[in-house]
Amino acid sequence: MSKVRTTINLNEDVVKKAKRVGINISAVAEMGIINYLKELETIGSENKNSNNPNSNNTRQSSVRKASGKEKWTCRDLNPRPPPCQGGDLPN
């Protein structure tokens, strides 16, 4: 397979440390993208076989986990109090 030149932006400190320890940044980036694509394919095939109506939410959550940047997707642990309702206050 032929290689294509591309540009990515990385933190300068990360590049310096990688070069210092002899890491081939291009090879590591390529392996990471290949693994990420495999994970996405696995998630996609699981969702195709699923009859779960929330499969899109499951897919998005799985993609976040696969990317290593899992974001908070659940209900807040400290929710606001419910709104006041008429008749709740003493006379």
PDB file of N, CA and C in Angstrom:
ATOM      1  N   MET A   1       0.839  -1.171   0.000  1.00  0.00           N
ATOM      2  CA  MET A   1       0.000   0.000   0.000  1.00  0.00           C
ATOM      3  C   MET A   1       0.889   1.242   0.000  1.00  0.00           C
ATOM      4  N   SER A   2       0.519   2.227  -0.775  1.00  0.00           N
ATOM      5  CA  SER A   2       1.314   3.448  -0.818  1.00  0.00           C
ATOM      6  C   SER A   2       0.959   4.358   0.364  1.00  0.00           C
ATOM      7  N   LYS A   3       1.900   5.181   0.743  1.00  0.00           N
ATOM      8  CA  LYS A   3       1.702   6.122   1.848  1.00  0.00           C
ATOM      9  C   LYS A   3       1.316   7.479   1.275  1.00  0.00           C
ATOM     10  N   VAL A   4       0.538   8.235   2.046  1.00  0.00           N
ATOM     11  CA  VAL A   4       0.101   9.568   1.661  1.00  0.00           C
ATOM     12  C   VAL A   4       0.601  10.537   2.716  1.00  0.00           C
ATOM     13  N   ARG A   5       1.173  11.631   2.276  1.00  0.00           N
ATOM     14  CA  ARG A   5       1.656  12.644   3.220  1.00  0.00           C
ATOM     15  C   ARG A   5       0.451  13.415   3.761  1.00  0.00           C
ATOM     16  N   THR A   6       0.424  13.576   5.077  1.00  0.00           N
ATOM     17  CA  THR A   6      -0.641  14.329   5.725  1.00  0.00           C
ATOM     18  C   THR A   6      -0.042  15.137   6.871  1.00  0.00           C
ATOM     19  N   THR A   7      -0.809  16.026   7.399  1.00  0.00           N
ATOM     20  CA  THR A   7      -0.327  16.868   8.482  1.00  0.00           C
ATOM     21  C   THR A   7      -1.236  16.704   9.689  1.00  0.00           C
ATOM     22  N   ILE A   8      -0.627  16.553  10.865  1.00  0.00           N
ATOM     23  CA  ILE A   8      -1.395  16.552  12.108  1.00  0.00           C
ATOM     24  C   ILE A   8      -0.749  17.551  13.053  1.00  0.00           C
ATOM     25  N   ASN A   9      -1.522  18.097  13.920  1.00  0.00           N
ATOM     26  CA  ASN A   9      -1.016  19.057  14.906  1.00  0.00           C
ATOM     27  C   ASN A   9      -0.947  18.368  16.264  1.00  0.00           C
ATOM     28  N   LEU A  10       0.243  18.384  16.856  1.00  0.00           N
ATOM     29  CA  LEU A  10       0.459  17.766  18.155  1.00  0.00           C
ATOM     30  C   LEU A  10       1.095  18.776  19.096  1.00  0.00           C
ATOM     31  N   ASN A  11       0.897  18.544  20.369  1.00  0.00           N
ATOM     32  CA  ASN A  11       1.527  19.372  21.384  1.00  0.00           C
ATOM     33  C   ASN A  11       3.041  19.257  21.241  1.00  0.00           C
ATOM     34  N   GLU A  12       3.728  20.379  21.275  1.00  0.00           N
ATOM     35  CA  GLU A  12       5.176  20.413  21.065  1.00  0.00           C
ATOM     36  C   GLU A  12       5.923  19.537  22.081  1.00  0.00           C
ATOM     37  N   ASP A  13       5.478  19.558  23.330  1.00  0.00           N
ATOM     38  CA  ASP A  13       6.131  18.740  24.356  1.00  0.00           C
ATOM     39  C   ASP A  13       5.995  17.251  24.059  1.00  0.00           C
ATOM     40  N   VAL A  14       4.843  16.863  23.554  1.00  0.00           N
ATOM     41  CA  VAL A  14       4.619  15.453  23.224  1.00  0.00           C
ATOM     42  C   VAL A  14       5.572  15.022  22.116  1.00  0.00           C
ATOM     43  N   VAL A  15       5.726  15.852  21.098  1.00  0.00           N
ATOM     44  CA  VAL A  15       6.623  15.525  19.984  1.00  0.00           C
ATOM     45  C   VAL A  15       8.064  15.409  20.480  1.00  0.00           C
ATOM     46  N   LYS A  16       8.499  16.338  21.318  1.00  0.00           N
ATOM     47  CA  LYS A  16       9.861  16.294  21.832  1.00  0.00           C
ATOM     48  C   LYS A  16      10.117  15.026  22.635  1.00  0.00           C
ATOM     49  N   LYS A  17       9.166  14.664  23.499  1.00  0.00           N
ATOM     50  CA  LYS A  17       9.322  13.449  24.316  1.00  0.00           C
ATOM     51  C   LYS A  17       9.321  12.205  23.437  1.00  0.00           C
ATOM     52  N   ALA A  18       8.451  12.179  22.435  1.00  0.00           N
ATOM     53  CA  ALA A  18       8.387  11.024  21.540  1.00  0.00           C
ATOM     54  C   ALA A  18       9.703  10.853  20.787  1.00  0.00           C
ATOM     55  N   LYS A  19      10.256  11.952  20.280  1.00  0.00           N
ATOM     56  CA  LYS A  19      11.537  11.881  19.569  1.00  0.00           C
ATOM     57  C   LYS A  19      12.657  11.454  20.509  1.00  0.00           C
ATOM     58  N   ARG A  20      12.623  11.943  21.737  1.00  0.00           N
ATOM     59  CA  ARG A  20      13.668  11.626  22.712  1.00  0.00           C
ATOM     60  C   ARG A  20      13.731  10.120  22.982  1.00  0.00           C
ATOM     61  N   VAL A  21      12.565   9.467  23.049  1.00  0.00           N
ATOM     62  CA  VAL A  21      12.552   8.030  23.351  1.00  0.00           C
ATOM     63  C   VAL A  21      12.508   7.172  22.089  1.00  0.00           C
ATOM     64  N   GLY A  22      12.527   7.817  20.919  1.00  0.00           N
ATOM     65  CA  GLY A  22      12.619   7.067  19.666  1.00  0.00           C
ATOM     66  C   GLY A  22      11.302   6.554  19.123  1.00  0.00           C
ATOM     67  N   ILE A  23      10.218   7.218  19.430  1.00  0.00           N
ATOM     68  CA  ILE A  23       8.904   6.797  18.923  1.00  0.00           C
ATOM     69  C   ILE A  23       8.710   7.329  17.509  1.00  0.00           C
ATOM     70  N   ASN A  24       8.282   6.447  16.616  1.00  0.00           N
ATOM     71  CA  ASN A  24       7.933   6.834  15.255  1.00  0.00           C
ATOM     72  C   ASN A  24       6.489   7.338  15.289  1.00  0.00           C
ATOM     73  N   ILE A  25       6.315   8.639  15.287  1.00  0.00           N
ATOM     74  CA  ILE A  25       4.994   9.241  15.452  1.00  0.00           C
ATOM     75  C   ILE A  25       4.044   8.808  14.345  1.00  0.00           C
ATOM     76  N   SER A  26       4.531   8.744  13.117  1.00  0.00           N
ATOM     77  CA  SER A  26       3.680   8.339  11.992  1.00  0.00           C
ATOM     78  C   SER A  26       3.160   6.920  12.177  1.00  0.00           C
ATOM     79  N   ALA A  27       4.046   6.004  12.596  1.00  0.00           N
ATOM     80  CA  ALA A  27       3.639   4.608  12.775  1.00  0.00           C
ATOM     81  C   ALA A  27       2.630   4.473  13.911  1.00  0.00           C
ATOM     82  N   VAL A  28       2.877   5.183  15.008  1.00  0.00           N
ATOM     83  CA  VAL A  28       1.965   5.115  16.148  1.00  0.00           C
ATOM     84  C   VAL A  28       0.598   5.698  15.778  1.00  0.00           C
ATOM     85  N   ALA A  29       0.600   6.825  15.073  1.00  0.00           N
ATOM     86  CA  ALA A  29      -0.667   7.434  14.650  1.00  0.00           C
ATOM     87  C   ALA A  29      -1.425   6.500  13.723  1.00  0.00           C
ATOM     88  N   GLU A  30      -0.721   5.885  12.780  1.00  0.00           N
ATOM     89  CA  GLU A  30      -1.369   4.963  11.839  1.00  0.00           C
ATOM     90  C   GLU A  30      -1.963   3.759  12.575  1.00  0.00           C
ATOM     91  N   MET A  31      -1.218   3.178  13.510  1.00  0.00           N
ATOM     92  CA  MET A  31      -1.737   2.042  14.276  1.00  0.00           C
ATOM     93  C   MET A  31      -2.955   2.450  15.087  1.00  0.00           C
ATOM     94  N   GLY A  32      -2.896   3.631  15.697  1.00  0.00           N
ATOM     95  CA  GLY A  32      -4.030   4.105  16.487  1.00  0.00           C
ATOM     96  C   GLY A  32      -5.279   4.287  15.634  1.00  0.00           C
ATOM     97  N   ILE A  33      -5.123   4.846  14.453  1.00  0.00           N
ATOM     98  CA  ILE A  33      -6.269   5.051  13.562  1.00  0.00           C
ATOM     99  C   ILE A  33      -6.816   3.715  13.078  1.00  0.00           C
ATOM    100  N   ILE A  34      -5.934   2.782  12.752  1.00  0.00           N
ATOM    101  CA  ILE A  34      -6.378   1.446  12.323  1.00  0.00           C
ATOM    102  C   ILE A  34      -7.187   0.782  13.434  1.00  0.00           C
ATOM    103  N   ASN A  35      -6.689   0.823  14.667  1.00  0.00           N
ATOM    104  CA  ASN A  35      -7.412   0.219  15.794  1.00  0.00           C
ATOM    105  C   ASN A  35      -8.745   0.910  16.045  1.00  0.00           C
ATOM    106  N   TYR A  36      -8.759   2.229  15.923  1.00  0.00           N
ATOM    107  CA  TYR A  36      -9.993   2.986  16.116  1.00  0.00           C
ATOM    108  C   TYR A  36     -11.026   2.613  15.058  1.00  0.00           C
ATOM    109  N   LEU A  37     -10.590   2.486  13.810  1.00  0.00           N
ATOM    110  CA  LEU A  37     -11.508   2.101  12.734  1.00  0.00           C
ATOM    111  C   LEU A  37     -12.063   0.693  12.957  1.00  0.00           C
ATOM    112  N   LYS A  38     -11.213  -0.214  13.435  1.00  0.00           N
ATOM    113  CA  LYS A  38     -11.685  -1.578  13.739  1.00  0.00           C
ATOM    114  C   LYS A  38     -12.748  -1.535  14.827  1.00  0.00           C
ATOM    115  N   GLU A  39     -12.523  -0.723  15.841  1.00  0.00           N
ATOM    116  CA  GLU A  39     -13.500  -0.594  16.932  1.00  0.00           C
ATOM    117  C   GLU A  39     -14.819  -0.038  16.405  1.00  0.00           C
ATOM    118  N   LEU A  40     -14.741   0.962  15.544  1.00  0.00           N
ATOM    119  CA  LEU A  40     -15.960   1.525  14.959  1.00  0.00           C
ATOM    120  C   LEU A  40     -16.710   0.489  14.128  1.00  0.00           C
ATOM    121  N   GLU A  41     -15.974  -0.329  13.373  1.00  0.00           N
ATOM    122  CA  GLU A  41     -16.610  -1.381  12.580  1.00  0.00           C
ATOM    123  C   GLU A  41     -17.298  -2.399  13.480  1.00  0.00           C
ATOM    124  N   THR A  42     -16.641  -2.751  14.586  1.00  0.00           N
ATOM    125  CA  THR A  42     -17.234  -3.694  15.535  1.00  0.00           C
ATOM    126  C   THR A  42     -18.508  -3.117  16.133  1.00  0.00           C
ATOM    127  N   ILE A  43     -18.459  -1.852  16.519  1.00  0.00           N
ATOM    128  CA  ILE A  43     -19.622  -1.192  17.097  1.00  0.00           C
ATOM    129  C   ILE A  43     -20.744  -1.128  16.069  1.00  0.00           C
ATOM    130  N   GLY A  44     -20.392  -0.794  14.828  1.00  0.00           N
ATOM    131  CA  GLY A  44     -21.394  -0.714  13.766  1.00  0.00           C
ATOM    132  C   GLY A  44     -22.068  -2.046  13.507  1.00  0.00           C
ATOM    133  N   SER A  45     -21.295  -3.141  13.502  1.00  0.00           N
ATOM    134  CA  SER A  45     -21.892  -4.446  13.260  1.00  0.00           C
ATOM    135  C   SER A  45     -22.754  -4.884  14.437  1.00  0.00           C
ATOM    136  N   GLU A  46     -22.371  -4.505  15.661  1.00  0.00           N
ATOM    137  CA  GLU A  46     -23.197  -4.828  16.828  1.00  0.00           C
ATOM    138  C   GLU A  46     -24.523  -4.087  16.752  1.00  0.00           C
ATOM    139  N   ASN A  47     -24.495  -2.827  16.330  1.00  0.00           N
ATOM    140  CA  ASN A  47     -25.717  -2.039  16.247  1.00  0.00           C
ATOM    141  C   ASN A  47     -26.629  -2.532  15.137  1.00  0.00           C
ATOM    142  N   LYS A  48     -26.070  -3.036  14.045  1.00  0.00           N
ATOM    143  CA  LYS A  48     -26.897  -3.563  12.962  1.00  0.00           C
ATOM    144  C   LYS A  48     -27.646  -4.803  13.421  1.00  0.00           C
ATOM    145  N   ASN A  49     -27.022  -5.587  14.296  1.00  0.00           N
ATOM    146  CA  ASN A  49     -27.632  -6.814  14.788  1.00  0.00           C
ATOM    147  C   ASN A  49     -28.543  -6.561  15.989  1.00  0.00           C
ATOM    148  N   SER A  50     -28.564  -5.344  16.485  1.00  0.00           N
ATOM    149  CA  SER A  50     -29.340  -5.022  17.673  1.00  0.00           C
ATOM    150  C   SER A  50     -30.694  -4.446  17.297  1.00  0.00           C
ATOM    151  N   ASN A  51     -31.725  -4.855  18.019  1.00  0.00           N
ATOM    152  CA  ASN A  51     -33.059  -4.282  17.830  1.00  0.00           C
ATOM    153  C   ASN A  51     -33.363  -3.256  18.901  1.00  0.00           C
ATOM    154  N   ASN A  52     -32.343  -2.840  19.608  1.00  0.00           N
ATOM    155  CA  ASN A  52     -32.490  -1.883  20.689  1.00  0.00           C
ATOM    156  C   ASN A  52     -32.837  -0.512  20.126  1.00  0.00           C
ATOM    157  N   PRO A  53     -33.945   0.111  20.580  1.00  0.00           N
ATOM    158  CA  PRO A  53     -34.295   1.428  20.055  1.00  0.00           C
ATOM    159  C   PRO A  53     -33.285   2.496  20.430  1.00  0.00           C
ATOM    160  N   ASN A  54     -32.467   2.259  21.453  1.00  0.00           N
ATOM    161  CA  ASN A  54     -31.458   3.230  21.868  1.00  0.00           C
ATOM    162  C   ASN A  54     -30.090   2.900  21.296  1.00  0.00           C
ATOM    163  N   SER A  55     -30.045   2.129  20.201  1.00  0.00           N
ATOM    164  CA  SER A  55     -28.765   1.692  19.669  1.00  0.00           C
ATOM    165  C   SER A  55     -27.891   2.860  19.252  1.00  0.00           C
ATOM    166  N   ASN A  56     -28.482   3.965  18.811  1.00  0.00           N
ATOM    167  CA  ASN A  56     -27.686   5.119  18.427  1.00  0.00           C
ATOM    168  C   ASN A  56     -26.967   5.697  19.637  1.00  0.00           C
ATOM    169  N   ASN A  57     -27.664   5.777  20.782  1.00  0.00           N
ATOM    170  CA  ASN A  57     -27.027   6.271  22.000  1.00  0.00           C
ATOM    171  C   ASN A  57     -25.915   5.332  22.448  1.00  0.00           C
ATOM    172  N   THR A  58     -26.160   4.028  22.325  1.00  0.00           N
ATOM    173  CA  THR A  58     -25.154   3.047  22.690  1.00  0.00           C
ATOM    174  C   THR A  58     -23.936   3.212  21.800  1.00  0.00           C
ATOM    175  N   ARG A  59     -24.158   3.431  20.519  1.00  0.00           N
ATOM    176  CA  ARG A  59     -23.065   3.596  19.568  1.00  0.00           C
ATOM    177  C   ARG A  59     -22.250   4.826  19.918  1.00  0.00           C
ATOM    178  N   GLN A  60     -22.917   5.937  20.203  1.00  0.00           N
ATOM    179  CA  GLN A  60     -22.198   7.156  20.527  1.00  0.00           C
ATOM    180  C   GLN A  60     -21.371   6.977  21.787  1.00  0.00           C
ATOM    181  N   SER A  61     -21.934   6.319  22.787  1.00  0.00           N
ATOM    182  CA  SER A  61     -21.207   6.076  24.022  1.00  0.00           C
ATOM    183  C   SER A  61     -19.998   5.184  23.758  1.00  0.00           C
ATOM    184  N   SER A  62     -20.188   4.147  22.914  1.00  0.00           N
ATOM    185  CA  SER A  62     -19.095   3.244  22.608  1.00  0.00           C
ATOM    186  C   SER A  62     -17.997   3.946  21.831  1.00  0.00           C
ATOM    187  N   VAL A  63     -18.384   4.842  20.935  1.00  0.00           N
ATOM    188  CA  VAL A  63     -17.387   5.594  20.177  1.00  0.00           C
ATOM    189  C   VAL A  63     -16.574   6.454  21.119  1.00  0.00           C
ATOM    190  N   ARG A  64     -17.217   7.079  22.081  1.00  0.00           N
ATOM    191  CA  ARG A  64     -16.483   7.891  23.050  1.00  0.00           C
ATOM    192  C   ARG A  64     -15.492   7.023  23.822  1.00  0.00           C
ATOM    193  N   LYS A  65     -15.926   5.823  24.219  1.00  0.00           N
ATOM    194  CA  LYS A  65     -15.033   4.935  24.952  1.00  0.00           C
ATOM    195  C   LYS A  65     -13.876   4.494  24.067  1.00  0.00           C
ATOM    196  N   ALA A  66     -14.174   4.202  22.798  1.00  0.00           N
ATOM    197  CA  ALA A  66     -13.136   3.751  21.879  1.00  0.00           C
ATOM    198  C   ALA A  66     -12.110   4.837  21.639  1.00  0.00           C
ATOM    199  N   SER A  67     -12.535   6.067  21.662  1.00  0.00           N
ATOM    200  CA  SER A  67     -11.611   7.163  21.402  1.00  0.00           C
ATOM    201  C   SER A  67     -10.747   7.488  22.618  1.00  0.00           C
ATOM    202  N   GLY A  68     -11.089   6.889  23.757  1.00  0.00           N
ATOM    203  CA  GLY A  68     -10.335   7.184  24.965  1.00  0.00           C
ATOM    204  C   GLY A  68     -10.757   8.482  25.614  1.00  0.00           C
ATOM    205  N   LYS A  69     -11.779   9.073  25.122  1.00  0.00           N
ATOM    206  CA  LYS A  69     -12.263  10.335  25.674  1.00  0.00           C
ATOM    207  C   LYS A  69     -13.711  10.169  26.091  1.00  0.00           C
ATOM    208  N   GLU A  70     -13.938   9.251  27.013  1.00  0.00           N
ATOM    209  CA  GLU A  70     -15.301   9.012  27.454  1.00  0.00           C
ATOM    210  C   GLU A  70     -15.842  10.261  28.130  1.00  0.00           C
ATOM    211  N   LYS A  71     -16.984  10.675  27.721  1.00  0.00           N
ATOM    212  CA  LYS A  71     -17.617  11.859  28.283  1.00  0.00           C
ATOM    213  C   LYS A  71     -18.792  11.428  29.137  1.00  0.00           C
ATOM    214  N   TRP A  72     -19.179  12.279  30.042  1.00  0.00           N
ATOM    215  CA  TRP A  72     -20.279  11.981  30.937  1.00  0.00           C
ATOM    216  C   TRP A  72     -21.565  11.919  30.137  1.00  0.00           C
ATOM    217  N   THR A  73     -22.222  10.761  30.148  1.00  0.00           N
ATOM    218  CA  THR A  73     -23.445  10.603  29.375  1.00  0.00           C
ATOM    219  C   THR A  73     -24.635  10.257  30.253  1.00  0.00           C
ATOM    220  N   CYS A  74     -24.411  10.132  31.541  1.00  0.00           N
ATOM    221  CA  CYS A  74     -25.488   9.740  32.448  1.00  0.00           C
ATOM    222  C   CYS A  74     -26.091  10.969  33.122  1.00  0.00           C
ATOM    223  N   ARG A  75     -27.150  10.717  33.882  1.00  0.00           N
ATOM    224  CA  ARG A  75     -27.794  11.768  34.645  1.00  0.00           C
ATOM    225  C   ARG A  75     -26.831  12.349  35.670  1.00  0.00           C
ATOM    226  N   ASP A  76     -26.953  13.615  35.955  1.00  0.00           N
ATOM    227  CA  ASP A  76     -26.104  14.281  36.929  1.00  0.00           C
ATOM    228  C   ASP A  76     -26.294  13.648  38.304  1.00  0.00           C
ATOM    229  N   LEU A  77     -25.187  13.454  39.025  1.00  0.00           N
ATOM    230  CA  LEU A  77     -25.273  12.859  40.362  1.00  0.00           C
ATOM    231  C   LEU A  77     -25.833  13.834  41.388  1.00  0.00           C
ATOM    232  N   ASN A  78     -25.787  15.110  41.080  1.00  0.00           N
ATOM    233  CA  ASN A  78     -26.293  16.114  41.996  1.00  0.00           C
ATOM    234  C   ASN A  78     -27.315  16.978  41.251  1.00  0.00           C
ATOM    235  N   PRO A  79     -28.495  16.417  40.971  1.00  0.00           N
ATOM    236  CA  PRO A  79     -29.484  17.161  40.188  1.00  0.00           C
ATOM    237  C   PRO A  79     -30.058  18.328  40.985  1.00  0.00           C
ATOM    238  N   ARG A  80     -30.580  19.278  40.271  1.00  0.00           N
ATOM    239  CA  ARG A  80     -31.239  20.417  40.923  1.00  0.00           C
ATOM    240  C   ARG A  80     -32.515  19.933  41.605  1.00  0.00           C
ATOM    241  N   PRO A  81     -32.952  20.658  42.626  1.00  0.00           N
ATOM    242  CA  PRO A  81     -34.197  20.245  43.286  1.00  0.00           C
ATOM    243  C   PRO A  81     -35.365  20.420  42.315  1.00  0.00           C
ATOM    244  N   PRO A  82     -36.422  19.645  42.515  1.00  0.00           N
ATOM    245  CA  PRO A  82     -37.575  19.768  41.617  1.00  0.00           C
ATOM    246  C   PRO A  82     -38.217  21.149  41.781  1.00  0.00           C
ATOM    247  N   PRO A  83     -38.875  21.625  40.745  1.00  0.00           N
ATOM    248  CA  PRO A  83     -39.506  22.934  40.843  1.00  0.00           C
ATOM    249  C   PRO A  83     -40.610  22.942  41.913  1.00  0.00           C
ATOM    250  N   CYS A  84     -40.809  24.103  42.527  1.00  0.00           N
ATOM    251  CA  CYS A  84     -41.850  24.226  43.532  1.00  0.00           C
ATOM    252  C   CYS A  84     -43.222  24.065  42.884  1.00  0.00           C
ATOM    253  N   GLN A  85     -44.104  23.442  43.613  1.00  0.00           N
ATOM    254  CA  GLN A  85     -45.458  23.259  43.114  1.00  0.00           C
ATOM    255  C   GLN A  85     -46.423  23.956  44.074  1.00  0.00           C
ATOM    256  N   GLY A  86     -47.508  24.410  43.535  1.00  0.00           N
ATOM    257  CA  GLY A  86     -48.495  25.080  44.359  1.00  0.00           C
ATOM    258  C   GLY A  86     -48.967  24.206  45.497  1.00  0.00           C
ATOM    259  N   GLY A  87     -49.138  24.805  46.686  1.00  0.00           N
ATOM    260  CA  GLY A  87     -49.636  24.064  47.839  1.00  0.00           C
ATOM    261  C   GLY A  87     -48.540  23.427  48.652  1.00  0.00           C
ATOM    262  N   ASP A  88     -47.284  23.544  48.231  1.00  0.00           N
ATOM    263  CA  ASP A  88     -46.176  22.954  48.979  1.00  0.00           C
ATOM    264  C   ASP A  88     -45.746  23.829  50.153  1.00  0.00           C
ATOM    265  N   LEU A  89     -46.035  25.124  50.091  1.00  0.00           N
ATOM    266  CA  LEU A  89     -45.598  26.035  51.138  1.00  0.00           C
ATOM    267  C   LEU A  89     -46.634  26.115  52.257  1.00  0.00           C
ATOM    268  N   PRO A  90     -46.166  26.277  53.532  1.00  0.00           N
ATOM    269  CA  PRO A  90     -47.136  26.412  54.641  1.00  0.00           C
ATOM    270  C   PRO A  90     -47.859  27.758  54.558  1.00  0.00           C
ATOM    271  N   ASN A  91     -49.035  27.795  55.126  1.00  0.00           N
ATOM    272  CA  ASN A  91     -49.842  29.026  55.112  1.00  0.00           C
ATOM    273  C   ASN A  91     -49.345  30.027  56.095  1.00  0.00           C
TER     274      ASN A  91
END
